C-alpha cells in the first residue's frame, strides 16, 4: 500500500523541479533548464566569507534575491565584471562579481566575499 502512495508523490516532486518522467522511465530535463543543470554538474564549490546578498544582477543597487550565510557553500558559475562596491568583506573598492547558484537561487555576489573550497 505504501508503494502505491509514494510513486505519485515522486512524480509530482519531479514535475515541480522541472524533471519529468519519460516513457522509458528515466527523468528528462526541459531544455530551458539545461544551462542551470550544466552549471550544477560542473560545480566549483564556493564558501561565503561573510553573510552577503545574492543579487539579481552584478550591482549593489540590484534586488537582493536571498542571503548567503557565512561559512555555507554554493556553486560558482562564472566571474563577471559589474558595478563597483565599497567597504565589502574588508575590501575598500572593487568591481568583480561571481555568478553563483546558492541553494537553487542563481544570482551575483561580490567576488571578494567568497572563496573556492
PDB file of N, CA and C in Angstrom:
ATOM      1  N   UNK A   1       0.817  -1.193   0.000  1.00  0.00           N
ATOM      2  CA  UNK A   1       0.000   0.000   0.000  1.00  0.00           C
ATOM      3  C   UNK A   1       0.865   1.263   0.000  1.00  0.00           C
ATOM      4  N   UNK A   2       1.962   1.280   0.791  1.00  0.00           N
ATOM      5  CA  UNK A   2       2.813   2.454   0.861  1.00  0.00           C
ATOM      6  C   UNK A   2       3.474   2.741  -0.480  1.00  0.00           C
ATOM      7  N   UNK A   3       3.857   1.698  -1.218  1.00  0.00           N
ATOM      8  CA  UNK A   3       4.489   1.891  -2.519  1.00  0.00           C
ATOM      9  C   UNK A   3       3.544   2.571  -3.493  1.00  0.00           C
ATOM     10  N   UNK A   4       2.261   2.290  -3.397  1.00  0.00           N
ATOM     11  CA  UNK A   4       1.285   2.912  -4.287  1.00  0.00           C
ATOM     12  C   UNK A   4       1.162   4.401  -4.030  1.00  0.00           C
ATOM     13  N   UNK A   5       1.364   4.832  -2.799  1.00  0.00           N
ATOM     14  CA  UNK A   5       1.268   6.249  -2.462  1.00  0.00           C
ATOM     15  C   UNK A   5       2.546   7.013  -2.777  1.00  0.00           C
ATOM     16  N   UNK A   6       3.681   6.360  -2.705  1.00  0.00           N
ATOM     17  CA  UNK A   6       4.959   7.029  -2.910  1.00  0.00           C
ATOM     18  C   UNK A   6       5.176   7.391  -4.377  1.00  0.00           C
ATOM     19  N   UNK A   7       4.809   6.520  -5.302  1.00  0.00           N
ATOM     20  CA  UNK A   7       5.048   6.760  -6.731  1.00  0.00           C
ATOM     21  C   UNK A   7       4.414   8.064  -7.220  1.00  0.00           C
ATOM     22  N   UNK A   8       3.123   8.331  -6.951  1.00  0.00           N
ATOM     23  CA  UNK A   8       2.553   9.604  -7.421  1.00  0.00           C
ATOM     24  C   UNK A   8       3.227  10.824  -6.788  1.00  0.00           C
ATOM     25  N   UNK A   9       3.637  10.692  -5.526  1.00  0.00           N
ATOM     26  CA  UNK A   9       4.325  11.806  -4.876  1.00  0.00           C
ATOM     27  C   UNK A   9       5.679  12.057  -5.524  1.00  0.00           C
ATOM     28  N   UNK A  10       6.383  11.003  -5.888  1.00  0.00           N
ATOM     29  CA  UNK A  10       7.682  11.152  -6.541  1.00  0.00           C
ATOM     30  C   UNK A  10       7.527  11.823  -7.898  1.00  0.00           C
ATOM     31  N   UNK A  11       6.519  11.438  -8.659  1.00  0.00           N
ATOM     32  CA  UNK A  11       6.277  12.038  -9.975  1.00  0.00           C
ATOM     33  C   UNK A  11       5.934  13.520  -9.808  1.00  0.00           C
ATOM     34  N   UNK A  12       5.122  13.839  -8.815  1.00  0.00           N
ATOM     35  CA  UNK A  12       4.762  15.243  -8.571  1.00  0.00           C
ATOM     36  C   UNK A  12       5.988  16.060  -8.182  1.00  0.00           C
ATOM     37  N   UNK A  13       6.857  15.498  -7.351  1.00  0.00           N
ATOM     38  CA  UNK A  13       8.072  16.208  -6.947  1.00  0.00           C
ATOM     39  C   UNK A  13       8.980  16.449  -8.146  1.00  0.00           C
ATOM     40  N   UNK A  14       9.119  15.466  -9.006  1.00  0.00           N
ATOM     41  CA  UNK A  14       9.933  15.642 -10.216  1.00  0.00           C
ATOM     42  C   UNK A  14       9.352  16.714 -11.125  1.00  0.00           C
ATOM     43  N   UNK A  15       8.042  16.740 -11.249  1.00  0.00           N
ATOM     44  CA  UNK A  15       7.403  17.746 -12.101  1.00  0.00           C
ATOM     45  C   UNK A  15       7.644  19.153 -11.560  1.00  0.00           C
ATOM     46  N   UNK A  16       7.619  19.314 -10.231  1.00  0.00           N
ATOM     47  CA  UNK A  16       7.854  20.628  -9.626  1.00  0.00           C
ATOM     48  C   UNK A  16       9.284  21.093  -9.818  1.00  0.00           C
ATOM     49  N   UNK A  17      10.236  20.177  -9.877  1.00  0.00           N
ATOM     50  CA  UNK A  17      11.633  20.558 -10.041  1.00  0.00           C
ATOM     51  C   UNK A  17      12.033  20.697 -11.499  1.00  0.00           C
ATOM     52  N   UNK A  18      11.113  20.396 -12.421  1.00  0.00           N
ATOM     53  CA  UNK A  18      11.422  20.520 -13.843  1.00  0.00           C
ATOM     54  C   UNK A  18      11.854  19.220 -14.470  1.00  0.00           C
ATOM     55  N   UNK A  19      11.972  18.186 -13.669  1.00  0.00           N
ATOM     56  CA  UNK A  19      12.299  16.874 -14.204  1.00  0.00           C
ATOM     57  C   UNK A  19      10.997  16.129 -14.441  1.00  0.00           C
ATOM     58  N   UNK A  20      10.824  15.577 -15.613  1.00  0.00           N
ATOM     59  CA  UNK A  20       9.581  14.924 -15.974  1.00  0.00           C
ATOM     60  C   UNK A  20       9.892  13.496 -16.398  1.00  0.00           C
ATOM     61  N   UNK A  21       9.172  12.492 -15.859  1.00  0.00           N
ATOM     62  CA  UNK A  21       9.442  11.128 -16.285  1.00  0.00           C
ATOM     63  C   UNK A  21       9.114  10.949 -17.768  1.00  0.00           C
ATOM     64  N   UNK A  22       9.961  10.225 -18.468  1.00  0.00           N
ATOM     65  CA  UNK A  22       9.713   9.944 -19.875  1.00  0.00           C
ATOM     66  C   UNK A  22       9.099   8.564 -20.013  1.00  0.00           C
ATOM     67  N   UNK A  23       8.749   8.184 -21.233  1.00  0.00           N
ATOM     68  CA  UNK A  23       8.140   6.887 -21.486  1.00  0.00           C
ATOM     69  C   UNK A  23       9.077   5.753 -21.085  1.00  0.00           C
ATOM     70  N   UNK A  24      10.379   5.976 -21.150  1.00  0.00           N
ATOM     71  CA  UNK A  24      11.338   4.927 -20.789  1.00  0.00           C
ATOM     72  C   UNK A  24      11.505   4.789 -19.289  1.00  0.00           C
ATOM     73  N   UNK A  25      10.921   5.720 -18.531  1.00  0.00           N
ATOM     74  CA  UNK A  25      11.041   5.661 -17.081  1.00  0.00           C
ATOM     75  C   UNK A  25      12.166   6.537 -16.549  1.00  0.00           C
ATOM     76  N   UNK A  26      13.044   7.030 -17.415  1.00  0.00           N
ATOM     77  CA  UNK A  26      14.128   7.912 -16.985  1.00  0.00           C
ATOM     78  C   UNK A  26      13.617   9.343 -16.936  1.00  0.00           C
ATOM     79  N   UNK A  27      14.174  10.144 -16.068  1.00  0.00           N
ATOM     80  CA  UNK A  27      13.771  11.538 -15.966  1.00  0.00           C
ATOM     81  C   UNK A  27      14.468  12.353 -17.047  1.00  0.00           C
ATOM     82  N   UNK A  28      13.741  13.286 -17.636  1.00  0.00           N
ATOM     83  CA  UNK A  28      14.315  14.185 -18.629  1.00  0.00           C
ATOM     84  C   UNK A  28      14.210  15.613 -18.123  1.00  0.00           C
ATOM     85  N   UNK A  29      15.029  16.489 -18.661  1.00  0.00           N
ATOM     86  CA  UNK A  29      15.069  17.873 -18.233  1.00  0.00           C
ATOM     87  C   UNK A  29      14.562  18.759 -19.359  1.00  0.00           C
ATOM     88  N   UNK A  30      13.732  19.745 -19.002  1.00  0.00           N
ATOM     89  CA  UNK A  30      13.260  20.699 -20.000  1.00  0.00           C
ATOM     90  C   UNK A  30      14.442  21.485 -20.545  1.00  0.00           C
ATOM     91  N   UNK A  31      14.414  21.828 -21.819  1.00  0.00           N
ATOM     92  CA  UNK A  31      15.554  22.497 -22.455  1.00  0.00           C
ATOM     93  C   UNK A  31      15.862  23.853 -21.823  1.00  0.00           C
ATOM     94  N   UNK A  32      14.872  24.539 -21.264  1.00  0.00           N
ATOM     95  CA  UNK A  32      15.102  25.835 -20.625  1.00  0.00           C
ATOM     96  C   UNK A  32      16.039  25.719 -19.427  1.00  0.00           C
ATOM     97  N   UNK A  33      16.062  24.551 -18.802  1.00  0.00           N
ATOM     98  CA  UNK A  33      16.854  24.358 -17.599  1.00  0.00           C
ATOM     99  C   UNK A  33      18.234  23.778 -17.876  1.00  0.00           C
ATOM    100  N   UNK A  34      18.583  23.555 -19.131  1.00  0.00           N
ATOM    101  CA  UNK A  34      19.838  22.888 -19.459  1.00  0.00           C
ATOM    102  C   UNK A  34      21.063  23.657 -18.978  1.00  0.00           C
ATOM    103  N   UNK A  35      21.061  24.989 -19.085  1.00  0.00           N
ATOM    104  CA  UNK A  35      22.238  25.747 -18.660  1.00  0.00           C
ATOM    105  C   UNK A  35      22.435  25.647 -17.153  1.00  0.00           C
ATOM    106  N   UNK A  36      21.345  25.649 -16.390  1.00  0.00           N
ATOM    107  CA  UNK A  36      21.447  25.503 -14.948  1.00  0.00           C
ATOM    108  C   UNK A  36      21.941  24.111 -14.581  1.00  0.00           C
ATOM    109  N   UNK A  37      21.430  23.087 -15.262  1.00  0.00           N
ATOM    110  CA  UNK A  37      21.856  21.716 -14.997  1.00  0.00           C
ATOM    111  C   UNK A  37      23.328  21.556 -15.342  1.00  0.00           C
ATOM    112  N   UNK A  38      23.761  22.119 -16.472  1.00  0.00           N
ATOM    113  CA  UNK A  38      25.165  22.027 -16.869  1.00  0.00           C
ATOM    114  C   UNK A  38      26.055  22.724 -15.845  1.00  0.00           C
ATOM    115  N   UNK A  39      25.616  23.861 -15.346  1.00  0.00           N
ATOM    116  CA  UNK A  39      26.406  24.583 -14.354  1.00  0.00           C
ATOM    117  C   UNK A  39      26.528  23.788 -13.064  1.00  0.00           C
ATOM    118  N   UNK A  40      25.439  23.167 -12.648  1.00  0.00           N
ATOM    119  CA  UNK A  40      25.451  22.390 -11.418  1.00  0.00           C
ATOM    120  C   UNK A  40      26.332  21.159 -11.563  1.00  0.00           C
ATOM    121  N   UNK A  41      26.312  20.538 -12.750  1.00  0.00           N
ATOM    122  CA  UNK A  41      27.114  19.332 -12.971  1.00  0.00           C
ATOM    123  C   UNK A  41      28.604  19.645 -12.886  1.00  0.00           C
ATOM    124  N   UNK A  42      29.002  20.860 -13.233  1.00  0.00           N
ATOM    125  CA  UNK A  42      30.405  21.261 -13.213  1.00  0.00           C
ATOM    126  C   UNK A  42      30.669  22.212 -12.046  1.00  0.00           C
ATOM    127  N   UNK A  43      30.000  22.011 -10.958  1.00  0.00           N
ATOM    128  CA  UNK A  43      30.055  22.919  -9.813  1.00  0.00           C
ATOM    129  C   UNK A  43      31.460  23.032  -9.235  1.00  0.00           C
ATOM    130  N   UNK A  44      31.914  24.276  -9.121  1.00  0.00           N
ATOM    131  CA  UNK A  44      33.127  24.580  -8.372  1.00  0.00           C
ATOM    132  C   UNK A  44      32.624  25.154  -7.055  1.00  0.00           C
ATOM    133  N   UNK A  45      32.887  24.465  -5.984  1.00  0.00           N
ATOM    134  CA  UNK A  45      32.344  24.833  -4.686  1.00  0.00           C
ATOM    135  C   UNK A  45      32.955  26.132  -4.149  1.00  0.00           C
ATOM    136  N   UNK A  46      32.079  27.023  -3.678  1.00  0.00           N
ATOM    137  CA  UNK A  46      32.482  28.284  -3.052  1.00  0.00           C
ATOM    138  C   UNK A  46      31.949  28.323  -1.629  1.00  0.00           C
ATOM    139  N   UNK A  47      32.676  28.986  -0.747  1.00  0.00           N
ATOM    140  CA  UNK A  47      32.229  29.210   0.621  1.00  0.00           C
ATOM    141  C   UNK A  47      32.159  30.710   0.863  1.00  0.00           C
ATOM    142  N   UNK A  48      31.067  31.156   1.481  1.00  0.00           N
ATOM    143  CA  UNK A  48      30.903  32.577   1.797  1.00  0.00           C
ATOM    144  C   UNK A  48      31.810  32.956   2.970  1.00  0.00           C
ATOM    145  N   UNK A  49      32.568  34.044   2.815  1.00  0.00           N
ATOM    146  CA  UNK A  49      33.461  34.535   3.867  1.00  0.00           C
ATOM    147  C   UNK A  49      32.714  35.381   4.887  1.00  0.00           C
ATOM    148  N   UNK A  50      31.566  35.912   4.488  1.00  0.00           N
ATOM    149  CA  UNK A  50      30.672  36.635   5.387  1.00  0.00           C
ATOM    150  C   UNK A  50      29.269  36.507   4.806  1.00  0.00           C
ATOM    151  N   UNK A  51      28.272  36.895   5.551  1.00  0.00           N
ATOM    152  CA  UNK A  51      26.903  36.837   5.042  1.00  0.00           C
ATOM    153  C   UNK A  51      26.733  37.940   3.998  1.00  0.00           C
ATOM    154  N   UNK A  52      26.312  37.558   2.794  1.00  0.00           N
ATOM    155  CA  UNK A  52      26.170  38.514   1.687  1.00  0.00           C
ATOM    156  C   UNK A  52      24.826  38.328   0.991  1.00  0.00           C
ATOM    157  N   UNK A  53      24.409  39.362   0.276  1.00  0.00           N
ATOM    158  CA  UNK A  53      23.200  39.301  -0.532  1.00  0.00           C
ATOM    159  C   UNK A  53      23.519  38.654  -1.877  1.00  0.00           C
ATOM    160  N   UNK A  54      22.689  37.702  -2.288  1.00  0.00           N
ATOM    161  CA  UNK A  54      22.748  37.164  -3.650  1.00  0.00           C
ATOM    162  C   UNK A  54      21.817  38.066  -4.453  1.00  0.00           C
ATOM    163  N   UNK A  55      22.385  38.769  -5.438  1.00  0.00           N
ATOM    164  CA  UNK A  55      21.624  39.801  -6.156  1.00  0.00           C
ATOM    165  C   UNK A  55      21.214  39.361  -7.561  1.00  0.00           C
ATOM    166  N   UNK A  56      20.175  39.998  -8.069  1.00  0.00           N
ATOM    167  CA  UNK A  56      19.621  39.680  -9.383  1.00  0.00           C
ATOM    168  C   UNK A  56      20.600  40.008 -10.510  1.00  0.00           C
ATOM    169  N   UNK A  57      21.377  41.067 -10.352  1.00  0.00           N
ATOM    170  CA  UNK A  57      22.413  41.425 -11.323  1.00  0.00           C
ATOM    171  C   UNK A  57      23.655  41.868 -10.552  1.00  0.00           C
ATOM    172  N   UNK A  58      24.751  42.060 -11.259  1.00  0.00           N
ATOM    173  CA  UNK A  58      26.034  42.381 -10.630  1.00  0.00           C
ATOM    174  C   UNK A  58      26.120  43.864 -10.265  1.00  0.00           C
ATOM    175  N   UNK A  59      25.295  44.250  -9.299  1.00  0.00           N
ATOM    176  CA  UNK A  59      25.260  45.632  -8.843  1.00  0.00           C
ATOM    177  C   UNK A  59      24.711  45.680  -7.422  1.00  0.00           C
ATOM    178  N   UNK A  60      25.245  46.572  -6.598  1.00  0.00           N
ATOM    179  CA  UNK A  60      24.731  46.711  -5.232  1.00  0.00           C
ATOM    180  C   UNK A  60      23.338  47.334  -5.229  1.00  0.00           C
ATOM    181  N   UNK A  61      22.941  47.930  -6.320  1.00  0.00           N
ATOM    182  CA  UNK A  61      21.599  48.516  -6.421  1.00  0.00           C
ATOM    183  C   UNK A  61      20.562  47.506  -6.917  1.00  0.00           C
ATOM    184  N   UNK A  62      21.023  46.332  -7.290  1.00  0.00           N
ATOM    185  CA  UNK A  62      20.136  45.290  -7.788  1.00  0.00           C
ATOM    186  C   UNK A  62      19.349  44.654  -6.641  1.00  0.00           C
ATOM    187  N   UNK A  63      18.212  44.089  -6.978  1.00  0.00           N
ATOM    188  CA  UNK A  63      17.361  43.424  -5.997  1.00  0.00           C
ATOM    189  C   UNK A  63      18.086  42.249  -5.336  1.00  0.00           C
ATOM    190  N   UNK A  64      17.966  42.169  -4.031  1.00  0.00           N
ATOM    191  CA  UNK A  64      18.521  41.024  -3.295  1.00  0.00           C
ATOM    192  C   UNK A  64      17.538  39.866  -3.398  1.00  0.00           C
ATOM    193  N   UNK A  65      18.033  38.713  -3.868  1.00  0.00           N
ATOM    194  CA  UNK A  65      17.181  37.536  -4.021  1.00  0.00           C
ATOM    195  C   UNK A  65      17.122  36.717  -2.735  1.00  0.00           C
ATOM    196  N   UNK A  66      18.217  36.701  -1.984  1.00  0.00           N
ATOM    197  CA  UNK A  66      18.299  35.983  -0.713  1.00  0.00           C
ATOM    198  C   UNK A  66      19.638  36.283  -0.060  1.00  0.00           C
ATOM    199  N   UNK A  67      19.803  35.851   1.163  1.00  0.00           N
ATOM    200  CA  UNK A  67      21.081  35.968   1.853  1.00  0.00           C
ATOM    201  C   UNK A  67      21.854  34.662   1.716  1.00  0.00           C
ATOM    202  N   UNK A  68      23.169  34.792   1.550  1.00  0.00           N
ATOM    203  CA  UNK A  68      24.074  33.645   1.564  1.00  0.00           C
ATOM    204  C   UNK A  68      24.839  33.778   2.874  1.00  0.00           C
ATOM    205  N   UNK A  69      24.663  32.811   3.765  1.00  0.00           N
ATOM    206  CA  UNK A  69      25.199  32.906   5.110  1.00  0.00           C
ATOM    207  C   UNK A  69      26.667  32.482   5.202  1.00  0.00           C
ATOM    208  N   UNK A  70      27.397  33.183   6.036  1.00  0.00           N
ATOM    209  CA  UNK A  70      28.825  32.940   6.246  1.00  0.00           C
ATOM    210  C   UNK A  70      29.086  31.461   6.541  1.00  0.00           C
ATOM    211  N   UNK A  71      30.090  30.910   5.852  1.00  0.00           N
ATOM    212  CA  UNK A  71      30.508  29.544   6.094  1.00  0.00           C
ATOM    213  C   UNK A  71      29.752  28.478   5.319  1.00  0.00           C
ATOM    214  N   UNK A  72      28.669  28.851   4.627  1.00  0.00           N
ATOM    215  CA  UNK A  72      27.914  27.867   3.853  1.00  0.00           C
ATOM    216  C   UNK A  72      28.433  27.826   2.423  1.00  0.00           C
ATOM    217  N   UNK A  73      28.137  26.731   1.726  1.00  0.00           N
ATOM    218  CA  UNK A  73      28.674  26.507   0.384  1.00  0.00           C
ATOM    219  C   UNK A  73      27.638  26.721  -0.706  1.00  0.00           C
ATOM    220  N   UNK A  74      28.133  27.114  -1.863  1.00  0.00           N
ATOM    221  CA  UNK A  74      27.325  27.273  -3.065  1.00  0.00           C
ATOM    222  C   UNK A  74      28.176  26.894  -4.261  1.00  0.00           C
ATOM    223  N   UNK A  75      27.642  27.071  -5.458  1.00  0.00           N
ATOM    224  CA  UNK A  75      28.347  26.706  -6.684  1.00  0.00           C
ATOM    225  C   UNK A  75      28.695  27.945  -7.502  1.00  0.00           C
ATOM    226  N   UNK A  76      29.930  27.980  -7.970  1.00  0.00           N
ATOM    227  CA  UNK A  76      30.393  29.047  -8.855  1.00  0.00           C
ATOM    228  C   UNK A  76      29.940  28.745 -10.279  1.00  0.00           C
ATOM    229  N   UNK A  77      29.392  29.724 -10.973  1.00  0.00           N
ATOM    230  CA  UNK A  77      29.016  29.565 -12.377  1.00  0.00           C
ATOM    231  C   UNK A  77      30.036  30.272 -13.258  1.00  0.00           C
ATOM    232  N   UNK A  78      30.289  31.571 -12.983  1.00  0.00           N
ATOM    233  CA  UNK A  78      31.309  32.302 -13.738  1.00  0.00           C
ATOM    234  C   UNK A  78      31.575  33.650 -13.083  1.00  0.00           C
ATOM    235  N   UNK A  79      32.679  34.255 -13.448  1.00  0.00           N
ATOM    236  CA  UNK A  79      33.024  35.585 -12.968  1.00  0.00           C
ATOM    237  C   UNK A  79      32.541  36.631 -13.960  1.00  0.00           C
ATOM    238  N   UNK A  80      32.132  37.770 -13.447  1.00  0.00           N
ATOM    239  CA  UNK A  80      31.667  38.861 -14.311  1.00  0.00           C
ATOM    240  C   UNK A  80      32.160  40.194 -13.776  1.00  0.00           C
ATOM    241  N   UNK A  81      32.371  41.119 -14.695  1.00  0.00           N
ATOM    242  CA  UNK A  81      32.700  42.487 -14.338  1.00  0.00           C
ATOM    243  C   UNK A  81      31.375  43.212 -14.159  1.00  0.00           C
ATOM    244  N   UNK A  82      31.216  43.929 -13.062  1.00  0.00           N
ATOM    245  CA  UNK A  82      29.936  44.586 -12.813  1.00  0.00           C
ATOM    246  C   UNK A  82      30.113  45.905 -12.108  1.00  0.00           C
ATOM    247  N   UNK A  83      29.064  46.319 -11.426  1.00  0.00           N
ATOM    248  CA  UNK A  83      29.084  47.575 -10.696  1.00  0.00           C
ATOM    249  C   UNK A  83      30.067  47.524  -9.542  1.00  0.00           C
ATOM    250  N   UNK A  84      30.654  48.668  -9.215  1.00  0.00           N
ATOM    251  CA  UNK A  84      31.639  48.703  -8.127  1.00  0.00           C
ATOM    252  C   UNK A  84      30.936  48.617  -6.777  1.00  0.00           C
ATOM    253  N   UNK A  85      31.654  48.099  -5.806  1.00  0.00           N
ATOM    254  CA  UNK A  85      31.169  48.049  -4.438  1.00  0.00           C
ATOM    255  C   UNK A  85      32.283  48.538  -3.524  1.00  0.00           C
ATOM    256  N   UNK A  86      31.886  49.120  -2.402  1.00  0.00           N
ATOM    257  CA  UNK A  86      32.846  49.709  -1.470  1.00  0.00           C
ATOM    258  C   UNK A  86      32.658  49.122  -0.079  1.00  0.00           C
ATOM    259  N   UNK A  87      33.769  49.016   0.635  1.00  0.00           N
ATOM    260  CA  UNK A  87      33.752  48.538   2.020  1.00  0.00           C
ATOM    261  C   UNK A  87      32.984  47.227   2.159  1.00  0.00           C
ATOM    262  N   UNK A  88      33.285  46.283   1.277  1.00  0.00           N
ATOM    263  CA  UNK A  88      32.619  44.989   1.277  1.00  0.00           C
ATOM    264  C   UNK A  88      33.626  43.902   1.604  1.00  0.00           C
ATOM    265  N   UNK A  89      33.320  43.106   2.617  1.00  0.00           N
ATOM    266  CA  UNK A  89      34.161  41.967   3.012  1.00  0.00           C
ATOM    267  C   UNK A  89      35.625  42.372   3.193  1.00  0.00           C
ATOM    268  N   UNK A  90      35.852  43.564   3.738  1.00  0.00           N
ATOM    269  CA  UNK A  90      37.203  44.009   4.053  1.00  0.00           C
ATOM    270  C   UNK A  90      37.956  44.663   2.907  1.00  0.00           C
ATOM    271  N   UNK A  91      37.316  44.851   1.757  1.00  0.00           N
ATOM    272  CA  UNK A  91      37.960  45.479   0.596  1.00  0.00           C
ATOM    273  C   UNK A  91      37.379  46.881   0.418  1.00  0.00           C
ATOM    274  N   UNK A  92      38.269  47.871   0.241  1.00  0.00           N
ATOM    275  CA  UNK A  92      37.817  49.264   0.105  1.00  0.00           C
ATOM    276  C   UNK A  92      36.928  49.477  -1.113  1.00  0.00           C
ATOM    277  N   UNK A  93      37.376  49.016  -2.290  1.00  0.00           N
ATOM    278  CA  UNK A  93      36.611  49.230  -3.510  1.00  0.00           C
ATOM    279  C   UNK A  93      37.020  48.198  -4.560  1.00  0.00           C
ATOM    280  N   UNK A  94      36.023  47.600  -5.216  1.00  0.00           N
ATOM    281  CA  UNK A  94      36.281  46.596  -6.260  1.00  0.00           C
ATOM    282  C   UNK A  94      35.052  46.479  -7.149  1.00  0.00           C
ATOM    283  N   UNK A  95      35.154  45.757  -8.258  1.00  0.00           N
ATOM    284  CA  UNK A  95      34.032  45.689  -9.202  1.00  0.00           C
ATOM    285  C   UNK A  95      33.806  44.304  -9.813  1.00  0.00           C
ATOM    286  N   UNK A  96      34.495  43.281  -9.315  1.00  0.00           N
ATOM    287  CA  UNK A  96      34.343  41.953  -9.901  1.00  0.00           C
ATOM    288  C   UNK A  96      33.360  41.124  -9.073  1.00  0.00           C
ATOM    289  N   UNK A  97      32.469  40.403  -9.755  1.00  0.00           N
ATOM    290  CA  UNK A  97      31.409  39.629  -9.136  1.00  0.00           C
ATOM    291  C   UNK A  97      31.495  38.163  -9.560  1.00  0.00           C
ATOM    292  N   UNK A  98      30.852  37.270  -8.804  1.00  0.00           N
ATOM    293  CA  UNK A  98      30.711  35.860  -9.167  1.00  0.00           C
ATOM    294  C   UNK A  98      29.234  35.587  -9.402  1.00  0.00           C
ATOM    295  N   UNK A  99      28.922  34.961 -10.537  1.00  0.00           N
ATOM    296  CA  UNK A  99      27.579  34.445 -10.747  1.00  0.00           C
ATOM    297  C   UNK A  99      27.572  33.089 -10.061  1.00  0.00           C
ATOM    298  N   UNK A 100      26.609  32.866  -9.160  1.00  0.00           N
ATOM    299  CA  UNK A 100      26.599  31.684  -8.318  1.00  0.00           C
ATOM    300  C   UNK A 100      25.223  31.020  -8.278  1.00  0.00           C
ATOM    301  N   UNK A 101      25.223  29.788  -7.834  1.00  0.00           N
ATOM    302  CA  UNK A 101      23.983  29.083  -7.525  1.00  0.00           C
ATOM    303  C   UNK A 101      24.072  28.730  -6.052  1.00  0.00           C
ATOM    304  N   UNK A 102      23.269  29.398  -5.250  1.00  0.00           N
ATOM    305  CA  UNK A 102      23.248  29.136  -3.815  1.00  0.00           C
ATOM    306  C   UNK A 102      21.881  28.585  -3.440  1.00  0.00           C
ATOM    307  N   UNK A 103      21.846  27.305  -3.127  1.00  0.00           N
ATOM    308  CA  UNK A 103      20.622  26.613  -2.719  1.00  0.00           C
ATOM    309  C   UNK A 103      19.475  26.837  -3.697  1.00  0.00           C
ATOM    310  N   UNK A 104      19.795  26.763  -4.987  1.00  0.00           N
ATOM    311  CA  UNK A 104      18.773  26.880  -6.023  1.00  0.00           C
ATOM    312  C   UNK A 104      18.528  28.290  -6.520  1.00  0.00           C
ATOM    313  N   UNK A 105      19.104  29.286  -5.884  1.00  0.00           N
ATOM    314  CA  UNK A 105      18.963  30.676  -6.325  1.00  0.00           C
ATOM    315  C   UNK A 105      20.202  31.052  -7.122  1.00  0.00           C
ATOM    316  N   UNK A 106      19.997  31.459  -8.383  1.00  0.00           N
ATOM    317  CA  UNK A 106      21.110  31.889  -9.232  1.00  0.00           C
ATOM    318  C   UNK A 106      21.150  33.410  -9.200  1.00  0.00           C
ATOM    319  N   UNK A 107      22.319  33.943  -8.832  1.00  0.00           N
ATOM    320  CA  UNK A 107      22.471  35.383  -8.745  1.00  0.00           C
ATOM    321  C   UNK A 107      23.938  35.753  -8.630  1.00  0.00           C
ATOM    322  N   UNK A 108      24.203  36.968  -8.166  1.00  0.00           N
ATOM    323  CA  UNK A 108      25.559  37.529  -8.149  1.00  0.00           C
ATOM    324  C   UNK A 108      25.946  37.952  -6.738  1.00  0.00           C
ATOM    325  N   UNK A 109      27.216  37.693  -6.397  1.00  0.00           N
ATOM    326  CA  UNK A 109      27.779  38.122  -5.123  1.00  0.00           C
ATOM    327  C   UNK A 109      29.130  38.767  -5.393  1.00  0.00           C
ATOM    328  N   UNK A 110      29.571  39.698  -4.529  1.00  0.00           N
ATOM    329  CA  UNK A 110      30.909  40.278  -4.696  1.00  0.00           C
ATOM    330  C   UNK A 110      31.982  39.191  -4.639  1.00  0.00           C
ATOM    331  N   UNK A 111      32.896  39.249  -5.573  1.00  0.00           N
ATOM    332  CA  UNK A 111      33.966  38.253  -5.691  1.00  0.00           C
ATOM    333  C   UNK A 111      34.782  38.123  -4.402  1.00  0.00           C
ATOM    334  N   UNK A 112      34.997  39.218  -3.708  1.00  0.00           N
ATOM    335  CA  UNK A 112      35.855  39.205  -2.519  1.00  0.00           C
ATOM    336  C   UNK A 112      35.166  38.571  -1.310  1.00  0.00           C
ATOM    337  N   UNK A 113      33.891  38.260  -1.420  1.00  0.00           N
ATOM    338  CA  UNK A 113      33.141  37.702  -0.289  1.00  0.00           C
ATOM    339  C   UNK A 113      33.032  36.183  -0.326  1.00  0.00           C
ATOM    340  N   UNK A 114      33.649  35.547  -1.333  1.00  0.00           N
ATOM    341  CA  UNK A 114      33.607  34.087  -1.432  1.00  0.00           C
ATOM    342  C   UNK A 114      34.998  33.561  -1.733  1.00  0.00           C
ATOM    343  N   UNK A 115      35.219  32.284  -1.393  1.00  0.00           N
ATOM    344  CA  UNK A 115      36.481  31.645  -1.734  1.00  0.00           C
ATOM    345  C   UNK A 115      36.180  30.219  -2.207  1.00  0.00           C
ATOM    346  N   UNK A 116      37.066  29.697  -3.063  1.00  0.00           N
ATOM    347  CA  UNK A 116      36.914  28.316  -3.503  1.00  0.00           C
ATOM    348  C   UNK A 116      37.175  27.384  -2.340  1.00  0.00           C
ATOM    349  N   UNK A 117      36.342  26.366  -2.226  1.00  0.00           N
ATOM    350  CA  UNK A 117      36.510  25.424  -1.109  1.00  0.00           C
ATOM    351  C   UNK A 117      36.586  23.998  -1.597  1.00  0.00           C
TER     352      UNK A 117
END
